[in-house]
Amino acid sequence: MHNEFTGIVEQDGDWYVAYCPEIPGANGQGRSKDEALGSLSEAIGLILEDRREEGLRGVPPEAM
């Protein structure tokens, strides 16, 4: 499955900061735009994984 999200990158001094408005709490940073977006991508993946696990908590194994 392929998902697309908006990544907004802003420069703050020598650093780049990235965030995703669709996923609260998804932030990344780096010394380059690509590094910041890579960090953001990892954060998005972790948040979505956690949300999936949370959604499946309490579901009986035979239902999956």
PDB file of N, CA and C in Angstrom:
ATOM      1  N   MET A   1       0.838  -1.168   0.000  1.00  0.00           N
ATOM      2  CA  MET A   1       0.000   0.000   0.000  1.00  0.00           C
ATOM      3  C   MET A   1       0.888   1.237   0.000  1.00  0.00           C
ATOM      4  N   HIS A   2       0.525   2.209  -0.790  1.00  0.00           N
ATOM      5  CA  HIS A   2       1.316   3.426  -0.935  1.00  0.00           C
ATOM      6  C   HIS A   2       0.511   4.606  -0.400  1.00  0.00           C
ATOM      7  N   ASN A   3       1.099   5.343   0.508  1.00  0.00           N
ATOM      8  CA  ASN A   3       0.462   6.533   1.074  1.00  0.00           C
ATOM      9  C   ASN A   3       1.292   7.751   0.735  1.00  0.00           C
ATOM     10  N   GLU A   4       0.620   8.864   0.523  1.00  0.00           N
ATOM     11  CA  GLU A   4       1.311  10.127   0.285  1.00  0.00           C
ATOM     12  C   GLU A   4       0.843  11.137   1.319  1.00  0.00           C
ATOM     13  N   PHE A   5       1.804  11.855   1.878  1.00  0.00           N
ATOM     14  CA  PHE A   5       1.517  12.876   2.868  1.00  0.00           C
ATOM     15  C   PHE A   5       2.267  14.147   2.487  1.00  0.00           C
ATOM     16  N   THR A   6       1.809  15.258   3.002  1.00  0.00           N
ATOM     17  CA  THR A   6       2.455  16.542   2.754  1.00  0.00           C
ATOM     18  C   THR A   6       3.626  16.712   3.714  1.00  0.00           C
ATOM     19  N   GLY A   7       4.775  17.057   3.175  1.00  0.00           N
ATOM     20  CA  GLY A   7       5.942  17.361   3.993  1.00  0.00           C
ATOM     21  C   GLY A   7       6.327  18.816   3.803  1.00  0.00           C
ATOM     22  N   ILE A   8       6.291  19.582   4.850  1.00  0.00           N
ATOM     23  CA  ILE A   8       6.657  20.995   4.794  1.00  0.00           C
ATOM     24  C   ILE A   8       8.032  21.139   5.429  1.00  0.00           C
ATOM     25  N   VAL A   9       8.936  21.783   4.708  1.00  0.00           N
ATOM     26  CA  VAL A   9      10.315  21.945   5.180  1.00  0.00           C
ATOM     27  C   VAL A   9      10.603  23.433   5.348  1.00  0.00           C
ATOM     28  N   GLU A  10      11.160  23.779   6.489  1.00  0.00           N
ATOM     29  CA  GLU A  10      11.558  25.161   6.768  1.00  0.00           C
ATOM     30  C   GLU A  10      13.000  25.159   7.243  1.00  0.00           C
ATOM     31  N   GLN A  11      13.712  26.206   6.887  1.00  0.00           N
ATOM     32  CA  GLN A  11      15.098  26.322   7.333  1.00  0.00           C
ATOM     33  C   GLN A  11      15.141  27.141   8.615  1.00  0.00           C
ATOM     34  N   ASP A  12      15.931  26.633   9.578  1.00  0.00           N
ATOM     35  CA  ASP A  12      16.104  27.316  10.859  1.00  0.00           C
ATOM     36  C   ASP A  12      17.607  27.383  11.125  1.00  0.00           C
ATOM     37  N   GLY A  13      18.224  28.461  10.698  1.00  0.00           N
ATOM     38  CA  GLY A  13      19.678  28.580  10.813  1.00  0.00           C
ATOM     39  C   GLY A  13      20.345  27.570   9.892  1.00  0.00           C
ATOM     40  N   ASP A  14      21.205  26.730  10.452  1.00  0.00           N
ATOM     41  CA  ASP A  14      21.901  25.710   9.667  1.00  0.00           C
ATOM     42  C   ASP A  14      21.086  24.424   9.523  1.00  0.00           C
ATOM     43  N   TRP A  15      19.943  24.346  10.180  1.00  0.00           N
ATOM     44  CA  TRP A  15      19.137  23.135  10.196  1.00  0.00           C
ATOM     45  C   TRP A  15      17.880  23.293   9.343  1.00  0.00           C
ATOM     46  N   TYR A  16      17.370  22.164   8.890  1.00  0.00           N
ATOM     47  CA  TYR A  16      16.078  22.114   8.214  1.00  0.00           C
ATOM     48  C   TYR A  16      15.124  21.335   9.118  1.00  0.00           C
ATOM     49  N   VAL A  17      13.918  21.839   9.237  1.00  0.00           N
ATOM     50  CA  VAL A  17      12.894  21.207  10.055  1.00  0.00           C
ATOM     51  C   VAL A  17      11.732  20.860   9.134  1.00  0.00           C
ATOM     52  N   ALA A  18      11.221  19.633   9.253  1.00  0.00           N
ATOM     53  CA  ALA A  18      10.112  19.183   8.411  1.00  0.00           C
ATOM     54  C   ALA A  18       8.973  18.707   9.301  1.00  0.00           C
ATOM     55  N   TYR A  19       7.754  18.930   8.826  1.00  0.00           N
ATOM     56  CA  TYR A  19       6.592  18.426   9.553  1.00  0.00           C
ATOM     57  C   TYR A  19       5.493  18.064   8.573  1.00  0.00           C
ATOM     58  N   CYS A  20       4.551  17.280   9.048  1.00  0.00           N
ATOM     59  CA  CYS A  20       3.446  16.797   8.233  1.00  0.00           C
ATOM     60  C   CYS A  20       2.138  17.261   8.867  1.00  0.00           C
ATOM     61  N   PRO A  21       1.403  18.162   8.209  1.00  0.00           N
ATOM     62  CA  PRO A  21       0.173  18.672   8.813  1.00  0.00           C
ATOM     63  C   PRO A  21      -0.924  17.619   8.973  1.00  0.00           C
ATOM     64  N   GLU A  22      -0.885  16.546   8.175  1.00  0.00           N
ATOM     65  CA  GLU A  22      -1.922  15.516   8.274  1.00  0.00           C
ATOM     66  C   GLU A  22      -1.728  14.592   9.476  1.00  0.00           C
ATOM     67  N   ILE A  23      -0.509  14.546  10.018  1.00  0.00           N
ATOM     68  CA  ILE A  23      -0.214  13.633  11.119  1.00  0.00           C
ATOM     69  C   ILE A  23       0.395  14.430  12.275  1.00  0.00           C
ATOM     70  N   PRO A  24      -0.429  14.823  13.233  1.00  0.00           N
ATOM     71  CA  PRO A  24       0.091  15.581  14.367  1.00  0.00           C
ATOM     72  C   PRO A  24       1.226  14.830  15.067  1.00  0.00           C
ATOM     73  N   GLY A  25       2.289  15.545  15.370  1.00  0.00           N
ATOM     74  CA  GLY A  25       3.432  14.951  16.049  1.00  0.00           C
ATOM     75  C   GLY A  25       4.505  14.418  15.125  1.00  0.00           C
ATOM     76  N   ALA A  26       4.235  14.388  13.819  1.00  0.00           N
ATOM     77  CA  ALA A  26       5.228  13.895  12.859  1.00  0.00           C
ATOM     78  C   ALA A  26       6.156  15.045  12.482  1.00  0.00           C
ATOM     79  N   ASN A  27       7.396  14.975  12.976  1.00  0.00           N
ATOM     80  CA  ASN A  27       8.394  16.014  12.736  1.00  0.00           C
ATOM     81  C   ASN A  27       9.723  15.360  12.402  1.00  0.00           C
ATOM     82  N   GLY A  28      10.544  16.082  11.655  1.00  0.00           N
ATOM     83  CA  GLY A  28      11.882  15.609  11.352  1.00  0.00           C
ATOM     84  C   GLY A  28      12.829  16.786  11.259  1.00  0.00           C
ATOM     85  N   GLN A  29      14.112  16.502  11.322  1.00  0.00           N
ATOM     86  CA  GLN A  29      15.106  17.568  11.192  1.00  0.00           C
ATOM     87  C   GLN A  29      16.366  17.008  10.576  1.00  0.00           C
ATOM     88  N   GLY A  30      17.176  17.889  10.020  1.00  0.00           N
ATOM     89  CA  GLY A  30      18.441  17.460   9.449  1.00  0.00           C
ATOM     90  C   GLY A  30      19.249  18.640   8.950  1.00  0.00           C
ATOM     91  N   ARG A  31      20.472  18.366   8.547  1.00  0.00           N
ATOM     92  CA  ARG A  31      21.356  19.416   8.028  1.00  0.00           C
ATOM     93  C   ARG A  31      21.062  19.747   6.567  1.00  0.00           C
ATOM     94  N   SER A  32      20.238  18.906   5.908  1.00  0.00           N
ATOM     95  CA  SER A  32      19.825  19.163   4.524  1.00  0.00           C
ATOM     96  C   SER A  32      18.321  18.900   4.415  1.00  0.00           C
ATOM     97  N   LYS A  33      17.722  19.364   3.326  1.00  0.00           N
ATOM     98  CA  LYS A  33      16.293  19.116   3.117  1.00  0.00           C
ATOM     99  C   LYS A  33      16.028  17.617   3.033  1.00  0.00           C
ATOM    100  N   ASP A  34      16.888  16.900   2.294  1.00  0.00           N
ATOM    101  CA  ASP A  34      16.697  15.457   2.146  1.00  0.00           C
ATOM    102  C   ASP A  34      16.797  14.732   3.485  1.00  0.00           C
ATOM    103  N   GLU A  35      17.728  15.148   4.319  1.00  0.00           N
ATOM    104  CA  GLU A  35      17.887  14.540   5.641  1.00  0.00           C
ATOM    105  C   GLU A  35      16.660  14.808   6.512  1.00  0.00           C
ATOM    106  N   ALA A  36      16.144  16.024   6.448  1.00  0.00           N
ATOM    107  CA  ALA A  36      14.950  16.375   7.220  1.00  0.00           C
ATOM    108  C   ALA A  36      13.745  15.579   6.738  1.00  0.00           C
ATOM    109  N   LEU A  37      13.593  15.435   5.427  1.00  0.00           N
ATOM    110  CA  LEU A  37      12.473  14.665   4.897  1.00  0.00           C
ATOM    111  C   LEU A  37      12.612  13.181   5.218  1.00  0.00           C
ATOM    112  N   GLY A  38      13.836  12.662   5.223  1.00  0.00           N
ATOM    113  CA  GLY A  38      14.060  11.271   5.608  1.00  0.00           C
ATOM    114  C   GLY A  38      13.684  11.038   7.059  1.00  0.00           C
ATOM    115  N   SER A  39      14.057  11.976   7.909  1.00  0.00           N
ATOM    116  CA  SER A  39      13.715  11.893   9.329  1.00  0.00           C
ATOM    117  C   SER A  39      12.198  11.973   9.516  1.00  0.00           C
ATOM    118  N   LEU A  40      11.553  12.836   8.752  1.00  0.00           N
ATOM    119  CA  LEU A  40      10.093  12.966   8.802  1.00  0.00           C
ATOM    120  C   LEU A  40       9.430  11.667   8.359  1.00  0.00           C
ATOM    121  N   SER A  41       9.944  11.074   7.306  1.00  0.00           N
ATOM    122  CA  SER A  41       9.389   9.813   6.796  1.00  0.00           C
ATOM    123  C   SER A  41       9.461   8.716   7.861  1.00  0.00           C
ATOM    124  N   GLU A  42      10.577   8.636   8.564  1.00  0.00           N
ATOM    125  CA  GLU A  42      10.720   7.656   9.646  1.00  0.00           C
ATOM    126  C   GLU A  42       9.701   7.919  10.755  1.00  0.00           C
ATOM    127  N   ALA A  43       9.526   9.190  11.103  1.00  0.00           N
ATOM    128  CA  ALA A  43       8.574   9.556  12.160  1.00  0.00           C
ATOM    129  C   ALA A  43       7.152   9.169  11.752  1.00  0.00           C
ATOM    130  N   ILE A  44       6.796   9.432  10.512  1.00  0.00           N
ATOM    131  CA  ILE A  44       5.463   9.071  10.020  1.00  0.00           C
ATOM    132  C   ILE A  44       5.269   7.561  10.107  1.00  0.00           C
ATOM    133  N   GLY A  45       6.266   6.800   9.678  1.00  0.00           N
ATOM    134  CA  GLY A  45       6.179   5.343   9.734  1.00  0.00           C
ATOM    135  C   GLY A  45       5.970   4.833  11.147  1.00  0.00           C
ATOM    136  N   LEU A  46       6.705   5.388  12.095  1.00  0.00           N
ATOM    137  CA  LEU A  46       6.571   4.967  13.491  1.00  0.00           C
ATOM    138  C   LEU A  46       5.195   5.317  14.063  1.00  0.00           C
ATOM    139  N   ILE A  47       4.712   6.495  13.749  1.00  0.00           N
ATOM    140  CA  ILE A  47       3.400   6.917  14.245  1.00  0.00           C
ATOM    141  C   ILE A  47       2.302   6.030  13.669  1.00  0.00           C
ATOM    142  N   LEU A  48       2.357   5.752  12.365  1.00  0.00           N
ATOM    143  CA  LEU A  48       1.330   4.911  11.748  1.00  0.00           C
ATOM    144  C   LEU A  48       1.382   3.483  12.280  1.00  0.00           C
ATOM    145  N   GLU A  49       2.579   2.975  12.512  1.00  0.00           N
ATOM    146  CA  GLU A  49       2.725   1.639  13.087  1.00  0.00           C
ATOM    147  C   GLU A  49       2.100   1.587  14.482  1.00  0.00           C
ATOM    148  N   ASP A  50       2.369   2.601  15.292  1.00  0.00           N
ATOM    149  CA  ASP A  50       1.802   2.663  16.637  1.00  0.00           C
ATOM    150  C   ASP A  50       0.281   2.758  16.586  1.00  0.00           C
ATOM    151  N   ARG A  51      -0.248   3.558  15.672  1.00  0.00           N
ATOM    152  CA  ARG A  51      -1.703   3.688  15.551  1.00  0.00           C
ATOM    153  C   ARG A  51      -2.339   2.363  15.138  1.00  0.00           C
ATOM    154  N   ARG A  52      -1.675   1.627  14.257  1.00  0.00           N
ATOM    155  CA  ARG A  52      -2.195   0.330  13.831  1.00  0.00           C
ATOM    156  C   ARG A  52      -2.220  -0.636  15.007  1.00  0.00           C
ATOM    157  N   GLU A  53      -1.116  -0.695  15.762  1.00  0.00           N
ATOM    158  CA  GLU A  53      -1.055  -1.573  16.924  1.00  0.00           C
ATOM    159  C   GLU A  53      -2.121  -1.199  17.947  1.00  0.00           C
ATOM    160  N   GLU A  54      -2.313   0.084  18.151  1.00  0.00           N
ATOM    161  CA  GLU A  54      -3.330   0.556  19.099  1.00  0.00           C
ATOM    162  C   GLU A  54      -4.728   0.148  18.623  1.00  0.00           C
ATOM    163  N   GLY A  55      -4.964   0.247  17.328  1.00  0.00           N
ATOM    164  CA  GLY A  55      -6.266  -0.111  16.765  1.00  0.00           C
ATOM    165  C   GLY A  55      -6.556  -1.597  16.869  1.00  0.00           C
ATOM    166  N   LEU A  56      -5.501  -2.428  16.851  1.00  0.00           N
ATOM    167  CA  LEU A  56      -5.692  -3.874  16.908  1.00  0.00           C
ATOM    168  C   LEU A  56      -5.668  -4.422  18.333  1.00  0.00           C
ATOM    169  N   ARG A  57      -5.304  -3.588  19.298  1.00  0.00           N
ATOM    170  CA  ARG A  57      -5.274  -4.034  20.696  1.00  0.00           C
ATOM    171  C   ARG A  57      -6.676  -4.452  21.125  1.00  0.00           C
ATOM    172  N   GLY A  58      -6.783  -5.617  21.685  1.00  0.00           N
ATOM    173  CA  GLY A  58      -8.076  -6.085  22.162  1.00  0.00           C
ATOM    174  C   GLY A  58      -8.868  -6.868  21.127  1.00  0.00           C
ATOM    175  N   VAL A  59      -8.383  -6.914  19.888  1.00  0.00           N
ATOM    176  CA  VAL A  59      -9.062  -7.684  18.853  1.00  0.00           C
ATOM    177  C   VAL A  59      -8.645  -9.148  19.008  1.00  0.00           C
ATOM    178  N   PRO A  60      -9.605 -10.047  19.077  1.00  0.00           N
ATOM    179  CA  PRO A  60      -9.259 -11.457  19.238  1.00  0.00           C
ATOM    180  C   PRO A  60      -8.425 -11.957  18.045  1.00  0.00           C
ATOM    181  N   PRO A  61      -7.436 -12.829  18.301  1.00  0.00           N
ATOM    182  CA  PRO A  61      -6.572 -13.325  17.223  1.00  0.00           C
ATOM    183  C   PRO A  61      -7.340 -13.950  16.063  1.00  0.00           C
ATOM    184  N   GLU A  62      -8.457 -14.612  16.362  1.00  0.00           N
ATOM    185  CA  GLU A  62      -9.222 -15.259  15.277  1.00  0.00           C
ATOM    186  C   GLU A  62      -9.931 -14.251  14.376  1.00  0.00           C
ATOM    187  N   ALA A  63     -10.034 -13.008  14.813  1.00  0.00           N
ATOM    188  CA  ALA A  63     -10.687 -11.971  14.003  1.00  0.00           C
ATOM    189  C   ALA A  63      -9.751 -11.330  12.997  1.00  0.00           C
ATOM    190  N   MET A  64      -8.443 -11.595  13.131  1.00  0.00           N
ATOM    191  CA  MET A  64      -7.487 -10.949  12.223  1.00  0.00           C
ATOM    192  C   MET A  64      -7.161 -11.805  11.041  1.00  0.00           C
TER     193      MET A  64
END
